[in-house]
Amino acid sequence: MKPHLVILAMALSGASLARGQSADWQKVIWREPQVRYLLADMTLNGGNTSLYRKYAAEERDPDSREAIRLWDAGARVVNTNDFERRWVTNPFGKDGRVMRVVFRGTSRTITGSEVLLASDLGFQQAPMRLVLAELSLGRLSSFYEARKHEPSVAEALRRWAVGARVLNTNQFEWGGAKLKPDILQYRSTHVPIDGAHVRLNSDLPYPETNVRYFMADIALGGSLEFYRAAAERDHEMGCLEAVRRTEEGYRITNLDQFERKQVEGKTLITRKRRRERISGMDVKLGSD
């Protein structure tokens, strides 16, 4: 979640007291689409990085930290001609408008995944994802010691160390009789996997821990419209996903373990008879 959403939320009163975020939101892996969106925003704003440097330093926002790291390493947007930074009409914004990075000549906000970076040429995605799949299925990082000079391997190890994990490991398994046992294959086949089919937690436009925290807040009496407004006003994909799942009937199976209450002037979701904010990953869904 963007730090400015927290600031805006904390300024509200009454039923719209700050909802806050999951206890571990600063510790999760960055969201690749959002990182690219921020880099496009900085590029189209004349290289002004001050806002996101503040978020990275003061709020420890994972997306801002990764965007600034890439910017300082020389990463720049290649396809800037596809986008523009402009005010667009939005009923939830101040004076009925918000600043967005949009497709050039339109009012349609980009997701970030459309942004191409010069740094994309520094390593290959598929081999990097293959290494992460092998790590997620039990291979030790020390196995790659002799290959750390390879850009894709080095990038995979860097991401692994900061929390990148594979979401679809259930589709893969180590090779059987027809393949070497140290080669990953698609489950119940003898076909080696293509790294392009490996999905990472950083591919999502939202942190799952925040989505579940917001869903618990809504289920325990928080305002659905608060999150809908935050999603529209602040380009906050975690809020949007929480609203979508709630409206589609996703059920929290352990809701009876939590309560929504005031702790030192903040509205928190805690375990019953406790005062510490929970991690959203403590919230279990029927879809799990």
C-alpha atoms as a PDB file:
ATOM      1  CA  MET A   1       0.000   0.000   0.000  1.00  0.00           C
ATOM      2  CA  LYS A   2       1.223   3.474  -0.752  1.00  0.00           C
ATOM      3  CA  PRO A   3       2.377   5.481   2.251  1.00  0.00           C
ATOM      4  CA  HIS A   4       0.269   8.426   1.096  1.00  0.00           C
ATOM      5  CA  LEU A   5      -2.807   6.230   1.502  1.00  0.00           C
ATOM      6  CA  VAL A   6      -1.900   5.750   5.153  1.00  0.00           C
ATOM      7  CA  ILE A   7      -1.427   9.494   5.596  1.00  0.00           C
ATOM      8  CA  LEU A   8      -4.766  10.237   3.955  1.00  0.00           C
ATOM      9  CA  ALA A   9      -6.533   7.570   5.956  1.00  0.00           C
ATOM     10  CA  MET A  10      -5.099   8.743   9.254  1.00  0.00           C
ATOM     11  CA  ALA A  11      -6.420  12.211   8.570  1.00  0.00           C
ATOM     12  CA  LEU A  12      -9.979  10.939   8.411  1.00  0.00           C
ATOM     13  CA  SER A  13     -12.292  10.895  11.438  1.00  0.00           C
ATOM     14  CA  GLY A  14     -15.223   8.962  12.876  1.00  0.00           C
ATOM     15  CA  ALA A  15     -16.098   5.730  11.081  1.00  0.00           C
ATOM     16  CA  SER A  16     -13.230   6.296   8.646  1.00  0.00           C
ATOM     17  CA  LEU A  17     -10.405   6.111  11.196  1.00  0.00           C
ATOM     18  CA  ALA A  18      -7.198   4.697   9.774  1.00  0.00           C
ATOM     19  CA  ARG A  19      -7.624   1.065   8.808  1.00  0.00           C
ATOM     20  CA  GLY A  20      -3.890   0.571   8.725  1.00  0.00           C
ATOM     21  CA  GLN A  21      -2.167  -2.301   7.033  1.00  0.00           C
ATOM     22  CA  SER A  22      -0.995  -5.792   7.830  1.00  0.00           C
ATOM     23  CA  ALA A  23       1.704  -5.932  10.493  1.00  0.00           C
ATOM     24  CA  ASP A  24       4.221  -7.300   7.987  1.00  0.00           C
ATOM     25  CA  TRP A  25       3.448  -5.108   4.952  1.00  0.00           C
ATOM     26  CA  GLN A  26       6.936  -3.587   4.930  1.00  0.00           C
ATOM     27  CA  LYS A  27       8.607  -7.000   4.896  1.00  0.00           C
ATOM     28  CA  VAL A  28       6.996  -8.486   1.805  1.00  0.00           C
ATOM     29  CA  ILE A  29       8.522  -8.671  -1.661  1.00  0.00           C
ATOM     30  CA  TRP A  30       7.910  -5.705  -3.918  1.00  0.00           C
ATOM     31  CA  ARG A  31       5.195  -5.824  -6.584  1.00  0.00           C
ATOM     32  CA  GLU A  32       6.761  -5.757 -10.028  1.00  0.00           C
ATOM     33  CA  PRO A  33       3.864  -3.949 -11.775  1.00  0.00           C
ATOM     34  CA  GLN A  34       3.854  -1.232  -9.133  1.00  0.00           C
ATOM     35  CA  VAL A  35       7.642  -0.812  -9.239  1.00  0.00           C
ATOM     36  CA  ARG A  36       7.431  -0.255 -12.984  1.00  0.00           C
ATOM     37  CA  TYR A  37       4.560   2.177 -12.545  1.00  0.00           C
ATOM     38  CA  LEU A  38       6.663   4.212 -10.092  1.00  0.00           C
ATOM     39  CA  LEU A  39       9.627   4.246 -12.476  1.00  0.00           C
ATOM     40  CA  ALA A  40       7.351   5.482 -15.263  1.00  0.00           C
ATOM     41  CA  ASP A  41       5.987   8.166 -12.948  1.00  0.00           C
ATOM     42  CA  MET A  42       9.490   9.346 -12.032  1.00  0.00           C
ATOM     43  CA  THR A  43      10.617   9.307 -15.651  1.00  0.00           C
ATOM     44  CA  LEU A  44       7.600  11.267 -16.888  1.00  0.00           C
ATOM     45  CA  ASN A  45       7.950  13.717 -14.000  1.00  0.00           C
ATOM     46  CA  GLY A  46      11.325  14.929 -15.228  1.00  0.00           C
ATOM     47  CA  GLY A  47      13.359  12.500 -13.148  1.00  0.00           C
ATOM     48  CA  ASN A  48      11.972  13.798  -9.859  1.00  0.00           C
ATOM     49  CA  THR A  49      12.557  10.973  -7.374  1.00  0.00           C
ATOM     50  CA  SER A  50      12.116  12.862  -4.090  1.00  0.00           C
ATOM     51  CA  LEU A  51       8.630  11.556  -3.245  1.00  0.00           C
ATOM     52  CA  TYR A  52       9.537   7.899  -3.625  1.00  0.00           C
ATOM     53  CA  ARG A  53      12.866   8.369  -1.880  1.00  0.00           C
ATOM     54  CA  LYS A  54      10.881   9.689   1.079  1.00  0.00           C
ATOM     55  CA  TYR A  55       8.549   6.685   0.993  1.00  0.00           C
ATOM     56  CA  ALA A  56      11.510   4.308   0.727  1.00  0.00           C
ATOM     57  CA  ALA A  57      13.412   5.872   3.619  1.00  0.00           C
ATOM     58  CA  GLU A  58      10.667   6.907   6.030  1.00  0.00           C
ATOM     59  CA  GLU A  59       7.930   4.351   5.358  1.00  0.00           C
ATOM     60  CA  ARG A  60      10.124   1.457   4.166  1.00  0.00           C
ATOM     61  CA  ASP A  61       7.647   0.889   1.352  1.00  0.00           C
ATOM     62  CA  PRO A  62       8.905  -2.197  -0.567  1.00  0.00           C
ATOM     63  CA  ASP A  63       7.802  -0.911  -3.985  1.00  0.00           C
ATOM     64  CA  SER A  64       9.474   2.464  -3.507  1.00  0.00           C
ATOM     65  CA  ARG A  65      12.664   0.859  -2.198  1.00  0.00           C
ATOM     66  CA  GLU A  66      12.983  -1.379  -5.248  1.00  0.00           C
ATOM     67  CA  ALA A  67      12.068   1.434  -7.670  1.00  0.00           C
ATOM     68  CA  ILE A  68      14.730   3.715  -6.172  1.00  0.00           C
ATOM     69  CA  ARG A  69      17.296   0.898  -6.180  1.00  0.00           C
ATOM     70  CA  LEU A  70      16.666   0.334  -9.879  1.00  0.00           C
ATOM     71  CA  TRP A  71      16.676   4.063 -10.641  1.00  0.00           C
ATOM     72  CA  ASP A  72      20.002   4.573  -8.877  1.00  0.00           C
ATOM     73  CA  ALA A  73      21.424   1.584 -10.757  1.00  0.00           C
ATOM     74  CA  GLY A  74      20.551   3.305 -14.038  1.00  0.00           C
ATOM     75  CA  ALA A  75      17.270   1.596 -14.940  1.00  0.00           C
ATOM     76  CA  ARG A  76      15.168   3.821 -17.178  1.00  0.00           C
ATOM     77  CA  VAL A  77      11.897   3.374 -19.026  1.00  0.00           C
ATOM     78  CA  VAL A  78      12.458   2.425 -22.677  1.00  0.00           C
ATOM     79  CA  ASN A  79       8.941   2.942 -24.040  1.00  0.00           C
ATOM     80  CA  THR A  80       8.103   6.342 -22.561  1.00  0.00           C
ATOM     81  CA  ASN A  81       6.407   7.362 -25.826  1.00  0.00           C
ATOM     82  CA  ASP A  82       3.610   4.925 -24.995  1.00  0.00           C
ATOM     83  CA  PHE A  83       2.593   6.834 -21.844  1.00  0.00           C
ATOM     84  CA  GLU A  84       1.939  10.250 -20.390  1.00  0.00           C
ATOM     85  CA  ARG A  85       1.514  11.654 -16.892  1.00  0.00           C
ATOM     86  CA  ARG A  86      -1.648  13.698 -16.540  1.00  0.00           C
ATOM     87  CA  TRP A  87      -4.648  14.609 -14.445  1.00  0.00           C
ATOM     88  CA  VAL A  88      -7.680  12.409 -15.038  1.00  0.00           C
ATOM     89  CA  THR A  89     -11.227  12.751 -13.793  1.00  0.00           C
ATOM     90  CA  ASN A  90     -11.904  10.705 -10.663  1.00  0.00           C
ATOM     91  CA  PRO A  91     -14.815  11.241  -8.253  1.00  0.00           C
ATOM     92  CA  PHE A  92     -12.694  10.177  -5.273  1.00  0.00           C
ATOM     93  CA  GLY A  93      -9.824  12.591  -5.940  1.00  0.00           C
ATOM     94  CA  LYS A  94      -9.341  16.094  -4.620  1.00  0.00           C
ATOM     95  CA  ASP A  95     -11.340  18.479  -6.830  1.00  0.00           C
ATOM     96  CA  GLY A  96     -12.605  15.447  -8.724  1.00  0.00           C
ATOM     97  CA  ARG A  97      -9.323  14.470 -10.337  1.00  0.00           C
ATOM     98  CA  VAL A  98      -6.148  12.457  -9.694  1.00  0.00           C
ATOM     99  CA  MET A  99      -2.674  12.315 -11.214  1.00  0.00           C
ATOM    100  CA  ARG A 100      -2.064   9.136 -13.190  1.00  0.00           C
ATOM    101  CA  VAL A 101       0.335   7.554 -15.658  1.00  0.00           C
ATOM    102  CA  VAL A 102      -1.921   6.665 -18.592  1.00  0.00           C
ATOM    103  CA  PHE A 103      -1.618   5.343 -22.110  1.00  0.00           C
ATOM    104  CA  ARG A 104      -0.804   8.271 -24.334  1.00  0.00           C
ATOM    105  CA  GLY A 105      -3.871  10.009 -25.697  1.00  0.00           C
ATOM    106  CA  THR A 106      -6.243   8.223 -23.285  1.00  0.00           C
ATOM    107  CA  SER A 107      -7.420   8.393 -19.679  1.00  0.00           C
ATOM    108  CA  ARG A 108      -6.740   4.702 -19.075  1.00  0.00           C
ATOM    109  CA  THR A 109      -4.298   4.146 -16.223  1.00  0.00           C
ATOM    110  CA  ILE A 110      -1.493   1.694 -16.925  1.00  0.00           C
ATOM    111  CA  THR A 111      -0.966  -1.312 -14.640  1.00  0.00           C
ATOM    112  CA  GLY A 112       2.828  -1.052 -14.796  1.00  0.00           C
ATOM    113  CA  SER A 113       3.402  -4.390 -16.504  1.00  0.00           C
ATOM    114  CA  GLU A 114       3.406  -2.539 -19.844  1.00  0.00           C
ATOM    115  CA  VAL A 115       6.545  -0.609 -18.859  1.00  0.00           C
ATOM    116  CA  LEU A 116       9.794  -1.809 -20.425  1.00  0.00           C
ATOM    117  CA  LEU A 117      13.039  -1.063 -18.600  1.00  0.00           C
ATOM    118  CA  ALA A 118      16.582  -0.874 -19.874  1.00  0.00           C
ATOM    119  CA  SER A 119      17.511  -3.231 -17.034  1.00  0.00           C
ATOM    120  CA  ASP A 120      15.274  -5.930 -18.559  1.00  0.00           C
ATOM    121  CA  LEU A 121      18.089  -6.557 -21.036  1.00  0.00           C
ATOM    122  CA  GLY A 122      20.522  -7.403 -18.237  1.00  0.00           C
ATOM    123  CA  PHE A 123      19.190 -10.921 -17.615  1.00  0.00           C
ATOM    124  CA  GLN A 124      16.725 -13.398 -19.080  1.00  0.00           C
ATOM    125  CA  GLN A 125      13.407 -13.874 -17.303  1.00  0.00           C
ATOM    126  CA  ALA A 126      12.837 -17.575 -18.025  1.00  0.00           C
ATOM    127  CA  PRO A 127      16.179 -18.863 -16.618  1.00  0.00           C
ATOM    128  CA  MET A 128      15.792 -16.582 -13.602  1.00  0.00           C
ATOM    129  CA  ARG A 129      12.321 -17.968 -12.891  1.00  0.00           C
ATOM    130  CA  LEU A 130      13.518 -21.533 -13.387  1.00  0.00           C
ATOM    131  CA  VAL A 131      16.134 -21.062 -10.670  1.00  0.00           C
ATOM    132  CA  LEU A 132      13.467 -19.654  -8.343  1.00  0.00           C
ATOM    133  CA  ALA A 133      11.258 -22.667  -9.064  1.00  0.00           C
ATOM    134  CA  GLU A 134      14.114 -25.021  -8.185  1.00  0.00           C
ATOM    135  CA  LEU A 135      14.773 -23.124  -4.969  1.00  0.00           C
ATOM    136  CA  SER A 136      11.076 -23.145  -4.082  1.00  0.00           C
ATOM    137  CA  LEU A 137      11.025 -26.924  -4.551  1.00  0.00           C
ATOM    138  CA  GLY A 138      13.874 -27.518  -2.156  1.00  0.00           C
ATOM    139  CA  ARG A 139      17.146 -26.916  -3.932  1.00  0.00           C
ATOM    140  CA  LEU A 140      19.714 -25.141  -1.746  1.00  0.00           C
ATOM    141  CA  SER A 141      21.068 -21.788  -2.874  1.00  0.00           C
ATOM    142  CA  SER A 142      24.610 -23.124  -2.396  1.00  0.00           C
ATOM    143  CA  PHE A 143      23.998 -25.334  -5.453  1.00  0.00           C
ATOM    144  CA  TYR A 144      24.365 -22.215  -7.629  1.00  0.00           C
ATOM    145  CA  GLU A 145      27.629 -21.008  -6.108  1.00  0.00           C
ATOM    146  CA  ALA A 146      29.594 -21.785  -9.271  1.00  0.00           C
ATOM    147  CA  ARG A 147      27.004 -20.004 -11.441  1.00  0.00           C
ATOM    148  CA  LYS A 148      26.605 -16.782  -9.464  1.00  0.00           C
ATOM    149  CA  HIS A 149      28.393 -14.914 -12.271  1.00  0.00           C
ATOM    150  CA  GLU A 150      25.479 -15.658 -14.635  1.00  0.00           C
ATOM    151  CA  PRO A 151      23.141 -12.621 -14.654  1.00  0.00           C
ATOM    152  CA  SER A 152      19.923 -14.664 -14.478  1.00  0.00           C
ATOM    153  CA  VAL A 153      21.210 -16.799 -11.610  1.00  0.00           C
ATOM    154  CA  ALA A 154      22.505 -13.757  -9.724  1.00  0.00           C
ATOM    155  CA  GLU A 155      19.126 -12.026 -10.104  1.00  0.00           C
ATOM    156  CA  ALA A 156      17.259 -15.131  -8.948  1.00  0.00           C
ATOM    157  CA  LEU A 157      19.423 -15.422  -5.827  1.00  0.00           C
ATOM    158  CA  ARG A 158      18.956 -11.721  -5.069  1.00  0.00           C
ATOM    159  CA  ARG A 159      15.189 -12.034  -5.334  1.00  0.00           C
ATOM    160  CA  TRP A 160      15.123 -15.257  -3.322  1.00  0.00           C
ATOM    161  CA  ALA A 161      17.005 -13.584  -0.482  1.00  0.00           C
ATOM    162  CA  VAL A 162      14.377 -10.828  -0.204  1.00  0.00           C
ATOM    163  CA  GLY A 163      11.324 -13.061  -0.363  1.00  0.00           C
ATOM    164  CA  ALA A 164      10.533 -13.933  -3.989  1.00  0.00           C
ATOM    165  CA  ARG A 165       8.683 -17.247  -4.093  1.00  0.00           C
ATOM    166  CA  VAL A 166       6.931 -19.321  -6.750  1.00  0.00           C
ATOM    167  CA  LEU A 167       3.123 -19.414  -6.570  1.00  0.00           C
ATOM    168  CA  ASN A 168       2.448 -22.394  -8.835  1.00  0.00           C
ATOM    169  CA  THR A 169       4.860 -25.008  -7.480  1.00  0.00           C
ATOM    170  CA  ASN A 170       1.957 -27.493  -7.513  1.00  0.00           C
ATOM    171  CA  GLN A 171       2.348 -27.656 -11.302  1.00  0.00           C
ATOM    172  CA  PHE A 172       5.959 -28.902 -11.156  1.00  0.00           C
ATOM    173  CA  GLU A 173       7.972 -31.809  -9.772  1.00  0.00           C
ATOM    174  CA  TRP A 174      11.470 -33.195  -9.987  1.00  0.00           C
ATOM    175  CA  GLY A 175      12.155 -35.516 -12.912  1.00  0.00           C
ATOM    176  CA  GLY A 176      11.459 -39.222 -12.735  1.00  0.00           C
ATOM    177  CA  ALA A 177      12.770 -42.235 -14.597  1.00  0.00           C
ATOM    178  CA  LYS A 178      12.790 -40.598 -18.036  1.00  0.00           C
ATOM    179  CA  LEU A 179      14.501 -37.409 -16.870  1.00  0.00           C
ATOM    180  CA  LYS A 180      17.461 -36.760 -14.666  1.00  0.00           C
ATOM    181  CA  PRO A 181      16.177 -36.484 -11.082  1.00  0.00           C
ATOM    182  CA  ASP A 182      17.605 -32.968 -10.796  1.00  0.00           C
ATOM    183  CA  ILE A 183      15.521 -31.532 -13.661  1.00  0.00           C
ATOM    184  CA  LEU A 184      12.127 -29.970 -13.020  1.00  0.00           C
ATOM    185  CA  GLN A 185       9.245 -31.244 -15.112  1.00  0.00           C
ATOM    186  CA  TYR A 186       5.556 -30.460 -15.410  1.00  0.00           C
ATOM    187  CA  ARG A 187       3.700 -32.639 -12.928  1.00  0.00           C
ATOM    188  CA  SER A 188       2.677 -36.085 -14.244  1.00  0.00           C
ATOM    189  CA  THR A 189       4.629 -35.562 -17.472  1.00  0.00           C
ATOM    190  CA  HIS A 190       8.197 -36.043 -18.581  1.00  0.00           C
ATOM    191  CA  VAL A 191       8.459 -32.568 -20.102  1.00  0.00           C
ATOM    192  CA  PRO A 192      11.042 -30.149 -18.648  1.00  0.00           C
ATOM    193  CA  ILE A 193       9.424 -26.918 -17.512  1.00  0.00           C
ATOM    194  CA  ASP A 194       9.732 -23.604 -19.312  1.00  0.00           C
ATOM    195  CA  GLY A 195      10.684 -20.884 -16.855  1.00  0.00           C
ATOM    196  CA  ALA A 196       8.256 -18.550 -18.600  1.00  0.00           C
ATOM    197  CA  HIS A 197       5.432 -20.535 -16.986  1.00  0.00           C
ATOM    198  CA  VAL A 198       6.705 -19.910 -13.444  1.00  0.00           C
ATOM    199  CA  ARG A 199       4.564 -17.357 -11.563  1.00  0.00           C
ATOM    200  CA  LEU A 200       6.121 -15.327  -8.762  1.00  0.00           C
ATOM    201  CA  ASN A 201       4.538 -13.613  -5.785  1.00  0.00           C
ATOM    202  CA  SER A 202       6.126 -10.379  -7.032  1.00  0.00           C
ATOM    203  CA  ASP A 203       4.122 -10.658 -10.279  1.00  0.00           C
ATOM    204  CA  LEU A 204       0.925  -9.753  -8.435  1.00  0.00           C
ATOM    205  CA  PRO A 205      -0.088  -6.078  -8.335  1.00  0.00           C
ATOM    206  CA  TYR A 206      -0.901  -6.340  -4.621  1.00  0.00           C
ATOM    207  CA  PRO A 207       0.614  -7.877  -1.457  1.00  0.00           C
ATOM    208  CA  GLU A 208      -1.556 -10.801  -0.384  1.00  0.00           C
ATOM    209  CA  THR A 209      -0.998 -10.022   3.287  1.00  0.00           C
ATOM    210  CA  ASN A 210      -2.661  -6.607   2.937  1.00  0.00           C
ATOM    211  CA  VAL A 211      -5.577  -7.970   0.904  1.00  0.00           C
ATOM    212  CA  ARG A 212      -6.436 -10.437   3.671  1.00  0.00           C
ATOM    213  CA  TYR A 213      -6.024  -7.828   6.390  1.00  0.00           C
ATOM    214  CA  PHE A 214      -8.402  -5.472   4.572  1.00  0.00           C
ATOM    215  CA  MET A 215     -10.912  -8.287   4.051  1.00  0.00           C
ATOM    216  CA  ALA A 216     -10.882  -9.039   7.781  1.00  0.00           C
ATOM    217  CA  ASP A 217     -11.415  -5.340   8.530  1.00  0.00           C
ATOM    218  CA  ILE A 218     -14.420  -5.236   6.200  1.00  0.00           C
ATOM    219  CA  ALA A 219     -15.850  -8.478   7.608  1.00  0.00           C
ATOM    220  CA  LEU A 220     -15.544  -7.123  11.160  1.00  0.00           C
ATOM    221  CA  GLY A 221     -17.423  -3.911  10.418  1.00  0.00           C
ATOM    222  CA  GLY A 222     -15.056  -1.739   8.402  1.00  0.00           C
ATOM    223  CA  SER A 223     -16.459   0.184   5.465  1.00  0.00           C
ATOM    224  CA  LEU A 224     -16.297  -1.482   2.072  1.00  0.00           C
ATOM    225  CA  GLU A 225     -16.690   1.957   0.517  1.00  0.00           C
ATOM    226  CA  PHE A 226     -13.582   3.191   2.341  1.00  0.00           C
ATOM    227  CA  TYR A 227     -11.527   0.606   0.470  1.00  0.00           C
ATOM    228  CA  ARG A 228     -13.322   1.191  -2.797  1.00  0.00           C
ATOM    229  CA  ALA A 229     -12.531   4.917  -2.540  1.00  0.00           C
ATOM    230  CA  ALA A 230      -8.902   4.219  -1.599  1.00  0.00           C
ATOM    231  CA  ALA A 231      -8.518   1.912  -4.595  1.00  0.00           C
ATOM    232  CA  GLU A 232      -9.884   4.531  -6.994  1.00  0.00           C
ATOM    233  CA  ARG A 233      -8.200   7.548  -5.440  1.00  0.00           C
ATOM    234  CA  ASP A 234      -4.754   6.140  -4.688  1.00  0.00           C
ATOM    235  CA  HIS A 235      -4.288   3.483  -7.393  1.00  0.00           C
ATOM    236  CA  GLU A 236      -4.151   0.971  -4.527  1.00  0.00           C
ATOM    237  CA  MET A 237      -4.490  -2.524  -5.929  1.00  0.00           C
ATOM    238  CA  GLY A 238      -4.591  -4.233  -2.528  1.00  0.00           C
ATOM    239  CA  CYS A 239      -7.775  -2.340  -1.669  1.00  0.00           C
ATOM    240  CA  LEU A 240      -9.264  -3.112  -5.068  1.00  0.00           C
ATOM    241  CA  GLU A 241      -8.583  -6.833  -4.676  1.00  0.00           C
ATOM    242  CA  ALA A 242     -10.051  -6.875  -1.147  1.00  0.00           C
ATOM    243  CA  VAL A 243     -13.233  -5.231  -2.437  1.00  0.00           C
ATOM    244  CA  ARG A 244     -13.452  -7.659  -5.367  1.00  0.00           C
ATOM    245  CA  ARG A 245     -13.061 -10.767  -3.213  1.00  0.00           C
ATOM    246  CA  THR A 246     -15.520  -9.495  -0.618  1.00  0.00           C
ATOM    247  CA  GLU A 247     -18.148  -8.737  -3.248  1.00  0.00           C
ATOM    248  CA  GLU A 248     -17.598 -12.114  -4.896  1.00  0.00           C
ATOM    249  CA  GLY A 249     -18.298 -13.922  -1.622  1.00  0.00           C
ATOM    250  CA  TYR A 250     -14.860 -15.079  -0.500  1.00  0.00           C
ATOM    251  CA  ARG A 251     -15.275 -16.366   3.055  1.00  0.00           C
ATOM    252  CA  ILE A 252     -12.859 -15.944   5.978  1.00  0.00           C
ATOM    253  CA  THR A 253     -12.876 -19.295   7.772  1.00  0.00           C
ATOM    254  CA  ASN A 254     -11.210 -18.179  11.020  1.00  0.00           C
ATOM    255  CA  LEU A 255     -12.865 -14.794  11.498  1.00  0.00           C
ATOM    256  CA  ASP A 256     -13.930 -15.785  15.026  1.00  0.00           C
ATOM    257  CA  GLN A 257     -10.272 -15.555  16.090  1.00  0.00           C
ATOM    258  CA  PHE A 258     -10.058 -11.801  15.457  1.00  0.00           C
ATOM    259  CA  GLU A 259     -11.602  -8.542  16.570  1.00  0.00           C
ATOM    260  CA  ARG A 260     -11.597  -4.963  15.361  1.00  0.00           C
ATOM    261  CA  LYS A 261     -10.873  -2.410  18.059  1.00  0.00           C
ATOM    262  CA  GLN A 262      -9.198   0.826  19.048  1.00  0.00           C
ATOM    263  CA  VAL A 263      -5.620   0.514  20.308  1.00  0.00           C
ATOM    264  CA  GLU A 264      -3.855   3.763  21.228  1.00  0.00           C
ATOM    265  CA  GLY A 265      -6.114   5.750  18.922  1.00  0.00           C
ATOM    266  CA  LYS A 266      -5.779   3.416  15.923  1.00  0.00           C
ATOM    267  CA  THR A 267      -8.322   0.969  14.561  1.00  0.00           C
ATOM    268  CA  LEU A 268      -6.604  -2.413  14.405  1.00  0.00           C
ATOM    269  CA  ILE A 269      -7.439  -6.009  13.628  1.00  0.00           C
ATOM    270  CA  THR A 270      -6.035  -8.128  16.455  1.00  0.00           C
ATOM    271  CA  ARG A 271      -6.450 -11.579  17.832  1.00  0.00           C
ATOM    272  CA  LYS A 272      -9.136 -11.674  20.495  1.00  0.00           C
ATOM    273  CA  ARG A 273      -7.991 -10.297  23.844  1.00  0.00           C
ATOM    274  CA  ARG A 274      -4.714  -9.126  22.280  1.00  0.00           C
ATOM    275  CA  ARG A 275      -3.518  -5.661  21.287  1.00  0.00           C
ATOM    276  CA  GLU A 276      -1.017  -6.405  18.504  1.00  0.00           C
ATOM    277  CA  ARG A 277      -1.950  -5.905  14.872  1.00  0.00           C
ATOM    278  CA  ILE A 278      -2.129  -9.216  13.028  1.00  0.00           C
ATOM    279  CA  SER A 279      -0.443 -10.248   9.810  1.00  0.00           C
ATOM    280  CA  GLY A 280      -2.924 -10.634   7.004  1.00  0.00           C
ATOM    281  CA  MET A 281      -1.495 -14.090   6.362  1.00  0.00           C
ATOM    282  CA  ASP A 282      -3.072 -15.172   9.666  1.00  0.00           C
ATOM    283  CA  VAL A 283      -6.428 -14.735   7.891  1.00  0.00           C
ATOM    284  CA  LYS A 284      -7.546 -17.991   6.253  1.00  0.00           C
ATOM    285  CA  LEU A 285      -9.918 -18.075   3.274  1.00  0.00           C
ATOM    286  CA  GLY A 286     -12.234 -20.799   2.086  1.00  0.00           C
ATOM    287  CA  SER A 287     -10.389 -20.649  -1.237  1.00  0.00           C
ATOM    288  CA  ASP A 288      -7.040 -21.601   0.350  1.00  0.00           C
END
